[in-house]
């Protein structure tokens, strides 16, 4: 309580925002760790990529005027 009396209202607000921001970051990291353990994935796994089929090549003979 003694420290709160030394700071102005603006300083208390900035310190409070910094504390809440740090708390949100910690909650985000904990949530990510819990989610990874529930899904059974490690942090360094390679995710499979999906290959999209190449578009058809239209030649001028196949195209007709509208």
Protein backbone atom coordinates (compact mmCIF):
# COMPACT_ATOMS: atom_id res chain seq x y z
CA UNK A 1 0.00 0.00 0.00
CA UNK A 2 2.92 2.29 0.68
CA UNK A 3 4.19 1.91 -2.91
CA UNK A 4 0.77 2.78 -4.32
CA UNK A 5 0.86 6.09 -2.46
CA UNK A 6 4.15 7.07 -4.12
CA UNK A 7 2.96 6.64 -7.72
CA UNK A 8 0.59 8.88 -9.64
CA UNK A 9 -2.65 7.51 -11.06
CA UNK A 10 -1.14 7.29 -14.54
CA UNK A 11 1.86 5.34 -13.29
CA UNK A 12 -0.37 2.92 -11.39
CA UNK A 13 -2.44 2.40 -14.56
CA UNK A 14 0.65 1.70 -16.69
CA UNK A 15 2.04 -0.73 -14.11
CA UNK A 16 -1.36 -2.44 -13.85
CA UNK A 17 -1.56 -2.82 -17.64
CA UNK A 18 1.94 -4.29 -17.75
CA UNK A 19 1.04 -6.82 -15.04
CA UNK A 20 -2.18 -7.81 -16.82
CA UNK A 21 -0.34 -8.12 -20.15
CA UNK A 22 2.27 -10.40 -18.58
CA UNK A 23 -0.52 -12.47 -17.03
CA UNK A 24 -2.20 -12.87 -20.43
CA UNK A 25 1.07 -14.01 -21.99
CA UNK A 26 1.56 -16.59 -19.25
CA UNK A 27 -2.02 -17.85 -19.67
CA UNK A 28 -1.48 -18.11 -23.44
CA UNK A 29 1.70 -20.18 -23.00
CA UNK A 30 0.04 -22.49 -20.46
CA UNK A 31 -2.97 -22.91 -22.75
CA UNK A 32 -0.71 -23.81 -25.67
CA UNK A 33 1.16 -26.40 -23.60
CA UNK A 34 -2.09 -27.96 -22.40
CA UNK A 35 -3.53 -28.00 -25.93
CA UNK A 36 -0.41 -29.61 -27.38
CA UNK A 37 -0.40 -32.30 -24.70
CA UNK A 38 -4.12 -33.04 -25.21
CA UNK A 39 -3.70 -33.33 -29.00
CA UNK A 40 -0.51 -35.33 -28.55
CA UNK A 41 1.67 -33.06 -30.62
CA UNK A 42 5.08 -31.83 -29.67
CA UNK A 43 6.28 -28.37 -30.39
CA UNK A 44 8.71 -29.42 -33.14
CA UNK A 45 6.52 -31.67 -35.24
CA UNK A 46 6.28 -31.25 -38.99
CA UNK A 47 2.79 -30.64 -40.17
CA UNK A 48 1.78 -32.44 -43.34
CA UNK A 49 1.14 -30.15 -46.25
CA UNK A 50 -1.63 -30.63 -48.74
CA UNK A 51 -0.64 -30.44 -52.38
CA UNK A 52 -3.16 -28.68 -54.57
CA UNK A 53 -3.70 -30.09 -58.06
CA UNK A 54 -2.28 -28.00 -60.85
CA UNK A 55 -4.88 -26.18 -62.95
CA UNK A 56 -5.78 -27.61 -66.32
CA UNK A 57 -3.95 -26.19 -69.25
CA UNK A 58 -6.51 -24.84 -71.72
CA UNK A 59 -5.26 -24.66 -75.25
CA UNK A 60 -6.70 -22.31 -77.80
CA UNK A 61 -8.23 -25.20 -79.77
CA UNK A 62 -10.36 -26.26 -76.81
CA UNK A 63 -11.69 -22.80 -76.08
CA UNK A 64 -14.74 -21.55 -77.92
CA UNK A 65 -15.98 -18.03 -78.33
CA UNK A 66 -19.06 -17.07 -76.38
